[in-house]
Amino acid sequence: MKILGSASATPFLNRHHTAQVLTVGPHSYLIDCGEGTQRRLLEHKVRHQRLNTIFISHLHGDHFFGLFGLLSTMHLQGRTEPVLLFGPAGLDEILTTQFRVSHTQLSFPLEFTAVDTEQHALVYEDRYVTVHSLPMRHRIPCCGYLFREKPKRRHLDKTRLPAGLSPAQLHQLAQGEDVRDEAGQVQVRHLDVSTAASHSRSYAFCSDTLYTESLAALVHGTDLLYHEATFLDEMRERAQVTHHSTARQAGQFAGLAEAKRLLIGHFSSRYRDLTPLLEEARAVFEPVELAVEGSVFNVAE
């Protein structure tokens, strides 16, 4: 997980609008695309041609104003691979208008799926992950996203393998299958020659939202939880009015969710020093870090 931007509505020196890249195996997923995201991708050596799937949380500009520029650059560089785009209804209308008035006809298919921001539902899956929507409570329709790695195969234990297996039989076992004879009888059980599979990781992206305890059940036990923390708790009333959360509330939410680790971000530009936000969250939930731009986090440690 790489953080490309962690500012709230107003950008700050060395703090850009929300964007993150989650990499699982050979695939990279872009989560939100604030203004300047394509430049941040260049700076952090993330090849945008590897981005095939983009998730947008909501239609406030600090979360998607970079999208038109990124898609346009992909087009100018001759991309032909499809891009899958997920986000609230209306995003397709915005992009269609931009492309129409700029006389842009993309060189690649852009496949948009409208996400129901009021539902917790499966919105995407591939061979590596499933992605579910997380209903947020914001001033406009908004959702987060829960990424879960699919179950992995058990590991073959070479010390348990019987002698004389052919390459084809070894391949069967590596694929999680039993080896059978011509009559269909099991000769070697995969379970007997393998050890437990590696842990399947999970990442929850909780975008702009009021503090909502009921959402914790949807991300229970998540390995890495990102939760917005726009304000310090002394500005809780301001957070309520603007439909945002405080650093303390982010920590409380992580505790309710029994998350393994917490990342906080979406920082107000009023905070030049982010240390007080970190300390406030840590006062109620210890394993917490700042989503500082350029930082890379392993989803499970």
Protein backbone atom coordinates (compact mmCIF):
# COMPACT_ATOMS: atom_id res chain seq x y z
CA MET A 1 0.00 0.00 0.00
CA LYS A 2 1.48 3.34 -1.10
CA ILE A 3 0.10 6.70 0.03
CA LEU A 4 0.03 9.28 -2.78
CA GLY A 5 -2.07 11.93 -1.05
CA SER A 6 -3.48 12.51 2.43
CA ALA A 7 -4.84 16.06 2.53
CA SER A 8 -8.45 17.04 3.04
CA ALA A 9 -10.31 19.57 0.88
CA THR A 10 -7.57 22.23 0.86
CA PRO A 11 -4.09 21.11 -0.24
CA PHE A 12 -1.08 21.90 1.90
CA LEU A 13 2.65 22.10 1.25
CA ASN A 14 3.85 18.52 0.60
CA ARG A 15 0.35 17.26 1.28
CA HIS A 16 -1.82 16.46 -1.73
CA HIS A 17 -5.36 15.24 -2.14
CA THR A 18 -6.43 11.68 -1.41
CA ALA A 19 -5.00 8.87 -3.54
CA GLN A 20 -3.64 5.45 -2.65
CA VAL A 21 -2.31 2.47 -4.59
CA LEU A 22 -2.88 -1.03 -3.24
CA THR A 23 -0.75 -3.76 -4.85
CA VAL A 24 -1.67 -7.44 -4.60
CA GLY A 25 0.50 -9.78 -6.61
CA PRO A 26 0.94 -8.33 -10.10
CA HIS A 27 -2.16 -6.11 -9.82
CA SER A 28 -2.35 -2.52 -8.57
CA TYR A 29 -5.61 -0.85 -7.57
CA LEU A 30 -6.01 2.95 -7.39
CA ILE A 31 -8.21 4.19 -4.54
CA ASP A 32 -9.43 7.76 -5.09
CA CYS A 33 -7.73 10.11 -7.50
CA GLY A 34 -7.40 13.63 -6.14
CA GLU A 35 -5.93 16.49 -8.11
CA GLY A 36 -2.32 15.82 -9.15
CA THR A 37 -2.48 12.06 -8.72
CA GLN A 38 -0.78 11.30 -12.04
CA ARG A 39 2.17 13.46 -11.02
CA ARG A 40 2.38 11.67 -7.71
CA LEU A 41 2.40 8.35 -9.56
CA LEU A 42 5.39 9.56 -11.57
CA GLU A 43 7.23 10.81 -8.48
CA HIS A 44 6.79 7.50 -6.69
CA LYS A 45 7.57 5.37 -9.75
CA VAL A 46 4.15 3.78 -10.01
CA ARG A 47 3.48 3.02 -13.67
CA HIS A 48 -0.05 4.11 -14.41
CA GLN A 49 -0.25 1.59 -17.25
CA ARG A 50 -0.35 -1.08 -14.52
CA LEU A 51 -3.51 0.46 -13.10
CA ASN A 52 -6.45 -1.46 -14.50
CA THR A 53 -8.96 -0.89 -11.70
CA ILE A 54 -9.90 2.43 -10.04
CA PHE A 55 -12.21 2.96 -7.06
CA ILE A 56 -13.66 6.42 -6.29
CA SER A 57 -15.30 6.99 -2.91
CA HIS A 58 -17.37 10.10 -3.65
CA LEU A 59 -17.71 13.13 -5.89
CA HIS A 60 -16.08 15.84 -3.81
CA GLY A 61 -13.26 17.22 -5.93
CA ASP A 62 -10.42 16.34 -3.58
CA HIS A 63 -11.20 12.67 -4.24
CA PHE A 64 -11.59 12.56 -8.02
CA PHE A 65 -10.43 15.77 -9.77
CA GLY A 66 -7.26 14.00 -10.92
CA LEU A 67 -9.17 11.31 -12.77
CA PHE A 68 -9.74 13.12 -16.08
CA GLY A 69 -6.06 14.00 -16.37
CA LEU A 70 -4.92 10.47 -15.56
CA LEU A 71 -7.29 8.90 -18.09
CA SER A 72 -6.27 11.46 -20.71
CA THR A 73 -2.59 10.64 -20.23
CA MET A 74 -3.30 6.93 -20.55
CA HIS A 75 -5.04 7.76 -23.85
CA LEU A 76 -2.20 9.97 -25.12
CA GLN A 77 0.30 7.20 -24.42
CA GLY A 78 -1.69 4.77 -26.54
CA ARG A 79 -3.21 2.53 -23.92
CA THR A 80 -5.45 -0.20 -25.30
CA GLU A 81 -6.13 -2.27 -22.17
CA PRO A 82 -9.53 -1.63 -20.54
CA VAL A 83 -9.83 0.40 -17.34
CA LEU A 84 -12.48 -0.65 -14.83
CA LEU A 85 -13.88 2.30 -12.89
CA PHE A 86 -16.09 2.06 -9.80
CA GLY A 87 -17.75 4.97 -8.03
CA PRO A 88 -21.02 6.72 -7.19
CA ALA A 89 -23.64 7.37 -9.85
CA GLY A 90 -22.93 10.60 -11.72
CA LEU A 91 -19.21 10.03 -12.16
CA ASP A 92 -19.86 8.65 -15.64
CA GLU A 93 -21.86 11.76 -16.54
CA ILE A 94 -19.05 14.06 -15.40
CA LEU A 95 -16.42 12.19 -17.41
CA THR A 96 -18.66 11.93 -20.48
CA THR A 97 -19.15 15.70 -20.45
CA GLN A 98 -15.42 16.35 -20.07
CA PHE A 99 -14.55 14.01 -22.93
CA ARG A 100 -17.31 15.45 -25.13
CA VAL A 101 -16.36 19.12 -24.78
CA SER A 102 -12.63 18.33 -25.16
CA HIS A 103 -13.33 16.15 -28.22
CA THR A 104 -11.51 13.24 -26.57
CA GLN A 105 -12.19 9.70 -27.76
CA LEU A 106 -10.27 7.30 -25.54
CA SER A 107 -8.00 4.72 -27.11
CA PHE A 108 -9.11 2.13 -24.56
CA PRO A 109 -12.44 0.88 -23.15
CA LEU A 110 -13.51 2.64 -19.94
CA GLU A 111 -15.98 0.40 -18.14
CA PHE A 112 -17.89 2.21 -15.39
CA THR A 113 -19.85 0.50 -12.63
CA ALA A 114 -22.06 2.64 -10.40
CA VAL A 115 -21.72 1.69 -6.72
CA ASP A 116 -24.69 1.88 -4.38
CA THR A 117 -23.13 3.88 -1.57
CA GLU A 118 -25.83 2.85 0.91
CA GLN A 119 -25.11 -0.86 0.65
CA HIS A 120 -22.41 -3.24 1.82
CA ALA A 121 -22.07 -5.40 -1.26
CA LEU A 122 -19.58 -7.14 -3.49
CA VAL A 123 -18.66 -4.73 -6.29
CA TYR A 124 -15.60 -6.40 -7.84
CA GLU A 125 -13.50 -9.53 -7.77
CA ASP A 126 -10.62 -11.06 -9.68
CA ARG A 127 -8.33 -14.02 -9.05
CA TYR A 128 -6.59 -12.14 -6.23
CA VAL A 129 -9.17 -10.11 -4.28
CA THR A 130 -12.79 -9.39 -3.56
CA VAL A 131 -13.88 -5.78 -3.03
CA HIS A 132 -16.98 -4.82 -1.06
CA SER A 133 -18.50 -1.36 -0.71
CA LEU A 134 -18.72 0.20 2.75
CA PRO A 135 -21.52 2.75 3.29
CA MET A 136 -20.11 6.00 4.68
CA ARG A 137 -22.08 8.89 6.21
CA HIS A 138 -21.03 12.06 4.45
CA ARG A 139 -22.70 15.16 3.00
CA ILE A 140 -23.10 13.47 -0.36
CA PRO A 141 -23.26 9.78 -1.37
CA CYS A 142 -19.97 8.22 -0.28
CA CYS A 143 -18.57 4.76 0.21
CA GLY A 144 -15.43 3.09 1.39
CA TYR A 145 -14.01 -0.16 0.07
CA LEU A 146 -13.00 -3.40 1.78
CA PHE A 147 -10.33 -5.44 -0.03
CA ARG A 148 -9.96 -9.08 0.96
CA GLU A 149 -7.33 -11.35 -0.49
CA LYS A 150 -8.76 -14.61 -1.71
CA PRO A 151 -7.81 -17.81 0.18
CA LYS A 152 -4.37 -19.06 -0.79
CA ARG A 153 -3.29 -22.60 -1.53
CA ARG A 154 -1.58 -24.66 1.11
CA HIS A 155 2.21 -24.95 0.80
CA LEU A 156 3.74 -28.20 -0.44
CA ASP A 157 6.19 -29.67 2.05
CA LYS A 158 8.97 -31.33 0.05
CA THR A 159 9.92 -33.47 3.03
CA ARG A 160 6.49 -35.13 2.90
CA LEU A 161 6.47 -35.90 -0.82
CA PRO A 162 6.85 -39.60 -1.75
CA ALA A 163 9.61 -40.53 -4.18
CA GLY A 164 8.92 -41.18 -7.82
CA LEU A 165 6.27 -38.55 -8.51
CA SER A 166 6.16 -37.35 -12.11
CA PRO A 167 6.27 -33.63 -13.05
CA ALA A 168 2.56 -33.85 -13.92
CA GLN A 169 1.73 -35.29 -10.49
CA LEU A 170 3.81 -32.65 -8.75
CA HIS A 171 1.93 -30.00 -10.72
CA GLN A 172 -1.38 -31.50 -9.57
CA LEU A 173 -0.30 -31.30 -5.95
CA ALA A 174 0.97 -27.75 -6.42
CA GLN A 175 -2.50 -26.83 -7.71
CA GLY A 176 -4.10 -28.24 -4.57
CA GLU A 177 -5.30 -31.46 -6.17
CA ASP A 178 -4.92 -35.06 -5.01
CA VAL A 179 -2.94 -37.52 -7.13
CA ARG A 180 -5.10 -40.41 -8.30
CA ASP A 181 -4.39 -43.63 -10.16
CA GLU A 182 -6.09 -44.72 -13.38
CA ALA A 183 -8.96 -46.19 -11.41
CA GLY A 184 -9.57 -42.87 -9.65
CA GLN A 185 -8.23 -44.02 -6.28
CA VAL A 186 -6.29 -41.41 -4.28
CA GLN A 187 -2.58 -42.17 -4.20
CA VAL A 188 -1.33 -38.97 -2.57
CA ARG A 189 -3.58 -36.58 -0.69
CA HIS A 190 -2.69 -32.92 -1.08
CA LEU A 191 -3.61 -32.35 2.57
CA ASP A 192 -1.05 -34.93 3.70
CA VAL A 193 1.89 -33.34 1.87
CA SER A 194 1.17 -29.68 2.55
CA THR A 195 1.22 -27.13 5.35
CA ALA A 196 -1.26 -24.40 6.17
CA ALA A 197 -1.78 -21.62 3.64
CA SER A 198 -0.45 -18.14 4.25
CA HIS A 199 -2.79 -15.64 5.85
CA SER A 200 -5.14 -13.91 3.41
CA ARG A 201 -4.82 -10.19 4.03
CA SER A 202 -7.49 -7.49 4.24
CA TYR A 203 -7.48 -3.71 3.82
CA ALA A 204 -10.36 -1.35 4.60
CA PHE A 205 -10.51 2.17 3.19
CA CYS A 206 -12.95 4.30 5.19
CA SER A 207 -13.26 7.57 3.34
CA ASP A 208 -14.96 10.80 4.47
CA THR A 209 -17.54 9.96 7.10
CA LEU A 210 -19.15 10.81 10.38
CA TYR A 211 -18.02 8.56 13.19
CA THR A 212 -20.32 5.55 12.81
CA GLU A 213 -19.90 2.69 15.26
CA SER A 214 -22.20 0.34 13.34
CA LEU A 215 -19.72 0.20 10.44
CA ALA A 216 -17.12 -1.48 12.64
CA ALA A 217 -18.80 -4.87 12.24
CA LEU A 218 -18.28 -4.70 8.47
CA VAL A 219 -14.49 -4.40 8.82
CA HIS A 220 -14.02 -6.54 11.90
CA GLY A 221 -10.54 -7.98 12.26
CA THR A 222 -9.12 -6.12 9.26
CA ASP A 223 -5.34 -6.33 8.98
CA LEU A 224 -4.95 -2.67 8.00
CA LEU A 225 -7.69 -0.09 8.47
CA TYR A 226 -7.52 3.39 6.96
CA HIS A 227 -9.90 5.86 8.58
CA GLU A 228 -10.15 9.57 7.95
CA ALA A 229 -9.09 11.82 10.83
CA THR A 230 -9.67 15.33 9.54
CA PHE A 231 -9.69 17.08 12.93
CA LEU A 232 -8.49 16.86 16.49
CA ASP A 233 -11.21 15.97 18.97
CA GLU A 234 -11.36 19.55 20.26
CA MET A 235 -13.10 20.27 16.93
CA ARG A 236 -15.62 17.47 17.26
CA GLU A 237 -18.54 19.84 16.64
CA ARG A 238 -16.92 21.04 13.41
CA ALA A 239 -16.41 17.42 12.39
CA GLN A 240 -20.10 16.73 13.04
CA VAL A 241 -21.22 19.70 10.93
CA THR A 242 -18.96 18.81 8.01
CA HIS A 243 -19.60 15.04 8.28
CA HIS A 244 -16.02 14.14 9.15
CA SER A 245 -14.26 12.33 11.99
CA THR A 246 -11.60 13.21 14.55
CA ALA A 247 -8.36 11.37 15.25
CA ARG A 248 -9.74 10.14 18.56
CA GLN A 249 -12.86 8.81 16.84
CA ALA A 250 -10.71 7.01 14.27
CA GLY A 251 -8.88 5.30 17.13
CA GLN A 252 -12.15 4.39 18.83
CA PHE A 253 -13.48 2.95 15.57
CA ALA A 254 -10.35 0.82 15.08
CA GLY A 255 -10.77 -0.53 18.61
CA LEU A 256 -14.41 -1.45 18.01
CA ALA A 257 -13.44 -3.14 14.74
CA GLU A 258 -10.57 -4.98 16.48
CA ALA A 259 -8.37 -4.00 13.56
CA LYS A 260 -4.77 -5.15 13.61
CA ARG A 261 -3.40 -1.71 12.64
CA LEU A 262 -4.78 1.75 11.87
CA LEU A 263 -3.78 4.41 9.36
CA ILE A 264 -5.19 7.91 9.72
CA GLY A 265 -5.32 10.49 6.96
CA HIS A 266 -7.37 13.22 5.23
CA PHE A 267 -5.76 15.84 7.42
CA SER A 268 -7.09 19.39 7.62
CA SER A 269 -4.68 22.05 6.33
CA ARG A 270 -4.96 23.80 9.71
CA TYR A 271 -2.52 21.19 11.10
CA ARG A 272 1.03 21.89 10.00
CA ASP A 273 2.33 19.35 12.53
CA LEU A 274 0.50 16.03 12.45
CA THR A 275 1.97 14.72 15.70
CA PRO A 276 -1.02 15.78 17.85
CA LEU A 277 -3.37 13.81 15.58
CA LEU A 278 -1.19 10.72 15.90
CA GLU A 279 -0.95 11.06 19.68
CA GLU A 280 -4.69 11.54 20.03
CA ALA A 281 -5.48 8.38 18.07
CA ARG A 282 -2.81 6.42 19.96
CA ALA A 283 -4.36 7.41 23.26
CA VAL A 284 -7.25 5.06 22.49
CA PHE A 285 -5.70 2.63 19.96
CA GLU A 286 -1.99 1.87 20.08
CA PRO A 287 -0.98 0.41 16.66
CA VAL A 288 -1.65 3.54 14.58
CA GLU A 289 0.41 5.38 11.98
CA LEU A 290 0.06 8.51 9.88
CA ALA A 291 -0.75 8.11 6.19
CA VAL A 292 2.16 10.35 5.25
CA GLU A 293 2.64 10.82 1.52
CA GLY A 294 5.21 8.54 -0.04
CA SER A 295 4.93 6.03 2.78
CA VAL A 296 4.61 2.34 1.96
CA PHE A 297 2.77 0.00 4.31
CA ASN A 298 2.54 -3.78 4.26
CA VAL A 299 -1.07 -4.73 4.78
CA ALA A 300 -0.11 -7.53 7.16
CA GLU A 301 3.11 -7.63 9.16
